[in-house]
C-alpha atoms as a PDB file:
ATOM      1  CA  UNK A   1      48.141  20.210 -83.335  1.00  0.00           C
ATOM      2  CA  UNK A   2      49.117  17.781 -86.036  1.00  0.00           C
ATOM      3  CA  UNK A   3      52.912  17.694 -86.156  1.00  0.00           C
ATOM      4  CA  UNK A   4      52.783  17.095 -89.923  1.00  0.00           C
ATOM      5  CA  UNK A   5      51.269  20.512 -90.587  1.00  0.00           C
ATOM      6  CA  UNK A   6      53.569  23.325 -91.631  1.00  0.00           C
ATOM      7  CA  UNK A   7      53.889  26.297 -89.281  1.00  0.00           C
ATOM      8  CA  UNK A   8      51.697  28.360 -91.648  1.00  0.00           C
ATOM      9  CA  UNK A   9      49.051  25.616 -91.788  1.00  0.00           C
ATOM     10  CA  UNK A  10      49.052  25.488 -87.963  1.00  0.00           C
ATOM     11  CA  UNK A  11      48.566  29.277 -87.917  1.00  0.00           C
ATOM     12  CA  UNK A  12      45.647  28.943 -90.342  1.00  0.00           C
ATOM     13  CA  UNK A  13      44.154  26.148 -88.256  1.00  0.00           C
ATOM     14  CA  UNK A  14      44.414  28.232 -85.073  1.00  0.00           C
ATOM     15  CA  UNK A  15      42.696  31.135 -86.818  1.00  0.00           C
ATOM     16  CA  UNK A  16      39.982  28.785 -88.096  1.00  0.00           C
ATOM     17  CA  UNK A  17      39.470  27.513 -84.562  1.00  0.00           C
ATOM     18  CA  UNK A  18      39.099  31.080 -83.297  1.00  0.00           C
ATOM     19  CA  UNK A  19      36.570  31.902 -86.027  1.00  0.00           C
ATOM     20  CA  UNK A  20      34.619  28.734 -85.277  1.00  0.00           C
ATOM     21  CA  UNK A  21      34.487  29.559 -81.565  1.00  0.00           C
ATOM     22  CA  UNK A  22      33.074  33.003 -82.417  1.00  0.00           C
ATOM     23  CA  UNK A  23      30.400  31.814 -84.815  1.00  0.00           C
ATOM     24  CA  UNK A  24      30.220  28.660 -86.912  1.00  0.00           C
ATOM     25  CA  UNK A  25      28.806  30.727 -89.783  1.00  0.00           C
ATOM     26  CA  UNK A  26      31.998  32.817 -89.689  1.00  0.00           C
ATOM     27  CA  UNK A  27      34.120  29.876 -90.745  1.00  0.00           C
ATOM     28  CA  UNK A  28      34.297  30.661 -94.418  1.00  0.00           C
ATOM     29  CA  UNK A  29      37.463  30.433 -96.449  1.00  0.00           C
ATOM     30  CA  UNK A  30      37.136  34.129 -97.313  1.00  0.00           C
ATOM     31  CA  UNK A  31      36.883  35.204 -93.673  1.00  0.00           C
ATOM     32  CA  UNK A  32      39.681  32.861 -92.703  1.00  0.00           C
ATOM     33  CA  UNK A  33      41.936  34.294 -95.404  1.00  0.00           C
ATOM     34  CA  UNK A  34      41.161  37.813 -94.189  1.00  0.00           C
ATOM     35  CA  UNK A  35      41.993  36.750 -90.630  1.00  0.00           C
ATOM     36  CA  UNK A  36      45.440  35.432 -91.573  1.00  0.00           C
ATOM     37  CA  UNK A  37      46.159  38.177 -94.110  1.00  0.00           C
ATOM     38  CA  UNK A  38      46.204  36.197 -97.343  1.00  0.00           C
ATOM     39  CA  UNK A  39      43.940  35.743-100.337  1.00  0.00           C
ATOM     40  CA  UNK A  40      41.414  32.898-100.086  1.00  0.00           C
ATOM     41  CA  UNK A  41      42.944  30.810-102.912  1.00  0.00           C
ATOM     42  CA  UNK A  42      46.226  30.744-100.965  1.00  0.00           C
ATOM     43  CA  UNK A  43      44.511  28.711 -98.230  1.00  0.00           C
ATOM     44  CA  UNK A  44      44.330  25.808-100.651  1.00  0.00           C
ATOM     45  CA  UNK A  45      48.118  25.563-100.646  1.00  0.00           C
ATOM     46  CA  UNK A  46      47.785  24.407 -97.031  1.00  0.00           C
ATOM     47  CA  UNK A  47      44.400  22.632 -97.024  1.00  0.00           C
ATOM     48  CA  UNK A  48      43.071  21.017-100.192  1.00  0.00           C
ATOM     49  CA  UNK A  49      39.462  21.959 -99.421  1.00  0.00           C
ATOM     50  CA  UNK A  50      37.207  23.387 -96.767  1.00  0.00           C
ATOM     51  CA  UNK A  51      36.401  19.800 -95.819  1.00  0.00           C
ATOM     52  CA  UNK A  52      40.114  19.134 -95.276  1.00  0.00           C
ATOM     53  CA  UNK A  53      40.333  22.213 -93.051  1.00  0.00           C
ATOM     54  CA  UNK A  54      37.272  21.066 -91.089  1.00  0.00           C
ATOM     55  CA  UNK A  55      38.793  17.578 -90.762  1.00  0.00           C
ATOM     56  CA  UNK A  56      41.927  19.170 -89.318  1.00  0.00           C
ATOM     57  CA  UNK A  57      39.756  21.052 -86.809  1.00  0.00           C
ATOM     58  CA  UNK A  58      37.950  17.820 -85.951  1.00  0.00           C
ATOM     59  CA  UNK A  59      41.252  15.971 -85.546  1.00  0.00           C
ATOM     60  CA  UNK A  60      42.439  18.725 -83.233  1.00  0.00           C
ATOM     61  CA  UNK A  61      39.159  18.458 -81.324  1.00  0.00           C
ATOM     62  CA  UNK A  62      39.713  14.715 -80.907  1.00  0.00           C
ATOM     63  CA  UNK A  63      43.207  15.401 -79.556  1.00  0.00           C
ATOM     64  CA  UNK A  64      41.771  17.890 -77.071  1.00  0.00           C
ATOM     65  CA  UNK A  65      39.069  15.437 -76.048  1.00  0.00           C
ATOM     66  CA  UNK A  66      41.588  12.636 -75.594  1.00  0.00           C
ATOM     67  CA  UNK A  67      43.639  14.780 -73.220  1.00  0.00           C
ATOM     68  CA  UNK A  68      40.528  15.804 -71.261  1.00  0.00           C
ATOM     69  CA  UNK A  69      39.261  12.218 -71.086  1.00  0.00           C
ATOM     70  CA  UNK A  70      42.637  10.820 -70.055  1.00  0.00           C
ATOM     71  CA  UNK A  71      42.894  13.418 -67.285  1.00  0.00           C
ATOM     72  CA  UNK A  72      39.350  12.654 -66.116  1.00  0.00           C
ATOM     73  CA  UNK A  73      40.204   8.996 -65.607  1.00  0.00           C
ATOM     74  CA  UNK A  74      43.297   9.553 -63.483  1.00  0.00           C
ATOM     75  CA  UNK A  75      42.512   8.126 -60.043  1.00  0.00           C
ATOM     76  CA  UNK A  76      38.763   8.272 -60.711  1.00  0.00           C
ATOM     77  CA  UNK A  77      36.778   5.837 -58.588  1.00  0.00           C
ATOM     78  CA  UNK A  78      33.889   6.137 -61.091  1.00  0.00           C
ATOM     79  CA  UNK A  79      35.389   6.103 -64.605  1.00  0.00           C
ATOM     80  CA  UNK A  80      32.047   6.167 -66.423  1.00  0.00           C
ATOM     81  CA  UNK A  81      30.817   9.165 -64.438  1.00  0.00           C
ATOM     82  CA  UNK A  82      34.170  10.930 -64.914  1.00  0.00           C
ATOM     83  CA  UNK A  83      34.097  10.323 -68.682  1.00  0.00           C
ATOM     84  CA  UNK A  84      30.507  11.533 -68.996  1.00  0.00           C
ATOM     85  CA  UNK A  85      31.263  14.700 -67.035  1.00  0.00           C
ATOM     86  CA  UNK A  86      34.345  15.385 -69.169  1.00  0.00           C
ATOM     87  CA  UNK A  87      32.381  14.775 -72.375  1.00  0.00           C
ATOM     88  CA  UNK A  88      29.547  17.080 -71.352  1.00  0.00           C
ATOM     89  CA  UNK A  89      31.939  19.770 -70.127  1.00  0.00           C
ATOM     90  CA  UNK A  90      33.932  19.672 -73.384  1.00  0.00           C
ATOM     91  CA  UNK A  91      30.754  20.154 -75.421  1.00  0.00           C
ATOM     92  CA  UNK A  92      29.546  23.016 -73.237  1.00  0.00           C
ATOM     93  CA  UNK A  93      32.910  24.804 -73.466  1.00  0.00           C
ATOM     94  CA  UNK A  94      33.252  24.236 -77.234  1.00  0.00           C
ATOM     95  CA  UNK A  95      29.708  23.916 -78.613  1.00  0.00           C
ATOM     96  CA  UNK A  96      30.573  24.898 -82.177  1.00  0.00           C
ATOM     97  CA  UNK A  97      33.571  22.572 -82.363  1.00  0.00           C
ATOM     98  CA  UNK A  98      31.461  19.821 -80.784  1.00  0.00           C
ATOM     99  CA  UNK A  99      28.788  20.263 -83.448  1.00  0.00           C
ATOM    100  CA  UNK A 100      31.422  20.229 -86.190  1.00  0.00           C
ATOM    101  CA  UNK A 101      32.828  17.008 -84.723  1.00  0.00           C
ATOM    102  CA  UNK A 102      29.565  15.147 -84.190  1.00  0.00           C
ATOM    103  CA  UNK A 103      26.632  16.735 -86.006  1.00  0.00           C
ATOM    104  CA  UNK A 104      27.318  15.736 -89.597  1.00  0.00           C
ATOM    105  CA  UNK A 105      28.760  12.926 -91.655  1.00  0.00           C
ATOM    106  CA  UNK A 106      32.483  12.433 -91.257  1.00  0.00           C
ATOM    107  CA  UNK A 107      35.005  11.662 -93.968  1.00  0.00           C
ATOM    108  CA  UNK A 108      37.454   9.729 -91.799  1.00  0.00           C
ATOM    109  CA  UNK A 109      39.981   9.578 -94.641  1.00  0.00           C
ATOM    110  CA  UNK A 110      40.661  13.301 -94.069  1.00  0.00           C
ATOM    111  CA  UNK A 111      41.313  12.981 -90.321  1.00  0.00           C
ATOM    112  CA  UNK A 112      44.744  12.833 -88.767  1.00  0.00           C
ATOM    113  CA  UNK A 113      45.388   9.084 -88.525  1.00  0.00           C
ATOM    114  CA  UNK A 114      44.597   7.731 -85.073  1.00  0.00           C
ATOM    115  CA  UNK A 115      42.993  10.928 -83.749  1.00  0.00           C
ATOM    116  CA  UNK A 116      39.487   9.508 -83.418  1.00  0.00           C
ATOM    117  CA  UNK A 117      40.775   6.260 -81.897  1.00  0.00           C
ATOM    118  CA  UNK A 118      42.845   8.167 -79.339  1.00  0.00           C
ATOM    119  CA  UNK A 119      39.755  10.105 -78.221  1.00  0.00           C
ATOM    120  CA  UNK A 120      37.767   6.870 -77.917  1.00  0.00           C
ATOM    121  CA  UNK A 121      40.487   4.910 -76.092  1.00  0.00           C
ATOM    122  CA  UNK A 122      39.823   6.305 -72.583  1.00  0.00           C
ATOM    123  CA  UNK A 123      36.112   5.490 -72.887  1.00  0.00           C
ATOM    124  CA  UNK A 124      36.890   1.980 -74.047  1.00  0.00           C
ATOM    125  CA  UNK A 125      39.251   1.551 -71.112  1.00  0.00           C
ATOM    126  CA  UNK A 126      36.633   2.870 -68.686  1.00  0.00           C
ATOM    127  CA  UNK A 127      34.132   0.376 -70.111  1.00  0.00           C
ATOM    128  CA  UNK A 128      36.340  -2.694 -69.926  1.00  0.00           C
ATOM    129  CA  UNK A 129      37.052  -2.692 -73.666  1.00  0.00           C
ATOM    130  CA  UNK A 130      33.422  -3.420 -74.589  1.00  0.00           C
ATOM    131  CA  UNK A 131      32.914  -1.777 -78.016  1.00  0.00           C
ATOM    132  CA  UNK A 132      29.141  -2.222 -78.019  1.00  0.00           C
ATOM    133  CA  UNK A 133      28.789  -0.704 -74.558  1.00  0.00           C
ATOM    134  CA  UNK A 134      31.049   2.183 -75.623  1.00  0.00           C
ATOM    135  CA  UNK A 135      28.735   2.858 -78.573  1.00  0.00           C
ATOM    136  CA  UNK A 136      25.687   2.782 -76.288  1.00  0.00           C
ATOM    137  CA  UNK A 137      27.344   5.172 -73.820  1.00  0.00           C
ATOM    138  CA  UNK A 138      28.383   7.477 -76.666  1.00  0.00           C
ATOM    139  CA  UNK A 139      24.823   7.468 -78.047  1.00  0.00           C
ATOM    140  CA  UNK A 140      23.425   8.357 -74.617  1.00  0.00           C
ATOM    141  CA  UNK A 141      26.043  11.055 -73.966  1.00  0.00           C
ATOM    142  CA  UNK A 142      25.724  12.563 -77.435  1.00  0.00           C
ATOM    143  CA  UNK A 143      21.937  12.547 -77.314  1.00  0.00           C
ATOM    144  CA  UNK A 144      21.836  14.232 -73.931  1.00  0.00           C
ATOM    145  CA  UNK A 145      24.552  16.684 -74.923  1.00  0.00           C
ATOM    146  CA  UNK A 146      23.158  17.782 -78.276  1.00  0.00           C
ATOM    147  CA  UNK A 147      19.668  18.168 -76.840  1.00  0.00           C
ATOM    148  CA  UNK A 148      21.118  20.322 -74.067  1.00  0.00           C
ATOM    149  CA  UNK A 149      23.172  22.419 -76.486  1.00  0.00           C
ATOM    150  CA  UNK A 150      20.122  22.892 -78.697  1.00  0.00           C
ATOM    151  CA  UNK A 151      17.984  23.914 -75.723  1.00  0.00           C
ATOM    152  CA  UNK A 152      15.500  21.115 -76.433  1.00  0.00           C
ATOM    153  CA  UNK A 153      14.668  20.194 -72.834  1.00  0.00           C
ATOM    154  CA  UNK A 154      11.751  21.978 -71.175  1.00  0.00           C
ATOM    155  CA  UNK A 155      12.631  24.808 -68.781  1.00  0.00           C
ATOM    156  CA  UNK A 156      13.393  23.682 -65.252  1.00  0.00           C
ATOM    157  CA  UNK A 157      14.285  20.097 -66.144  1.00  0.00           C
ATOM    158  CA  UNK A 158      16.984  18.662 -63.875  1.00  0.00           C
ATOM    159  CA  UNK A 159      19.477  17.547 -66.507  1.00  0.00           C
ATOM    160  CA  UNK A 160      21.987  16.458 -63.885  1.00  0.00           C
ATOM    161  CA  UNK A 161      19.387  14.011 -62.542  1.00  0.00           C
ATOM    162  CA  UNK A 162      18.716  12.718 -66.064  1.00  0.00           C
ATOM    163  CA  UNK A 163      22.445  12.197 -66.619  1.00  0.00           C
ATOM    164  CA  UNK A 164      22.756  10.357 -63.298  1.00  0.00           C
ATOM    165  CA  UNK A 165      19.773   8.129 -64.098  1.00  0.00           C
ATOM    166  CA  UNK A 166      21.128   7.222 -67.527  1.00  0.00           C
ATOM    167  CA  UNK A 167      24.615   6.564 -66.216  1.00  0.00           C
ATOM    168  CA  UNK A 168      23.298   4.331 -63.427  1.00  0.00           C
ATOM    169  CA  UNK A 169      21.567   2.218 -66.055  1.00  0.00           C
ATOM    170  CA  UNK A 170      24.657   2.054 -68.236  1.00  0.00           C
ATOM    171  CA  UNK A 171      26.960   1.415 -65.279  1.00  0.00           C
ATOM    172  CA  UNK A 172      25.110  -1.854 -64.649  1.00  0.00           C
ATOM    173  CA  UNK A 173      26.504  -3.133 -67.956  1.00  0.00           C
ATOM    174  CA  UNK A 174      30.134  -2.259 -67.238  1.00  0.00           C
ATOM    175  CA  UNK A 175      32.163  -5.415 -66.633  1.00  0.00           C
ATOM    176  CA  UNK A 176      33.891  -5.640 -63.280  1.00  0.00           C
ATOM    177  CA  UNK A 177      37.639  -5.079 -63.509  1.00  0.00           C
ATOM    178  CA  UNK A 178      39.700  -8.241 -63.544  1.00  0.00           C
ATOM    179  CA  UNK A 179      41.285  -9.047 -60.199  1.00  0.00           C
ATOM    180  CA  UNK A 180      45.056  -9.174 -60.218  1.00  0.00           C
ATOM    181  CA  UNK A 181      46.787 -12.158 -58.659  1.00  0.00           C
ATOM    182  CA  UNK A 182      48.876 -11.206 -55.642  1.00  0.00           C
END
């Protein structure tokens, strides 16, 4: 969690995360206040608005993703495949947080500084630092992921095969790693 948050704000954020995991409709300031045992207006002493609270949740989600992505790349012979698997797994384990993070406009000014960049850094590294390729991979991964979460594929479709096919196509664009001089 953001080290700049007070202990009470971290407690509120943890409770908000729990409510979000239960049901994204449950994340109201009133319900959150009930959960932490305070009156709703008192929440605004810690977060200036619901959007600020959601931005803190998103920032925390980016920190979680960064850790998952970094771990996925350790000793991976196929960084793109490892990143895609980690991305998909994160979304499946945290579908409501994932939707909060990626399914609406984002006021980046409310995020913890550097949180989004830290989550993107492992993907950029896996893709040889190519920003455009990283955006294309993100678009593919997000599209596949959100369609899967929203149950938009026909029954019986082999999503793993679709992921493999898409990644093979994207892998062809990944620059070869630079050879080190011995």
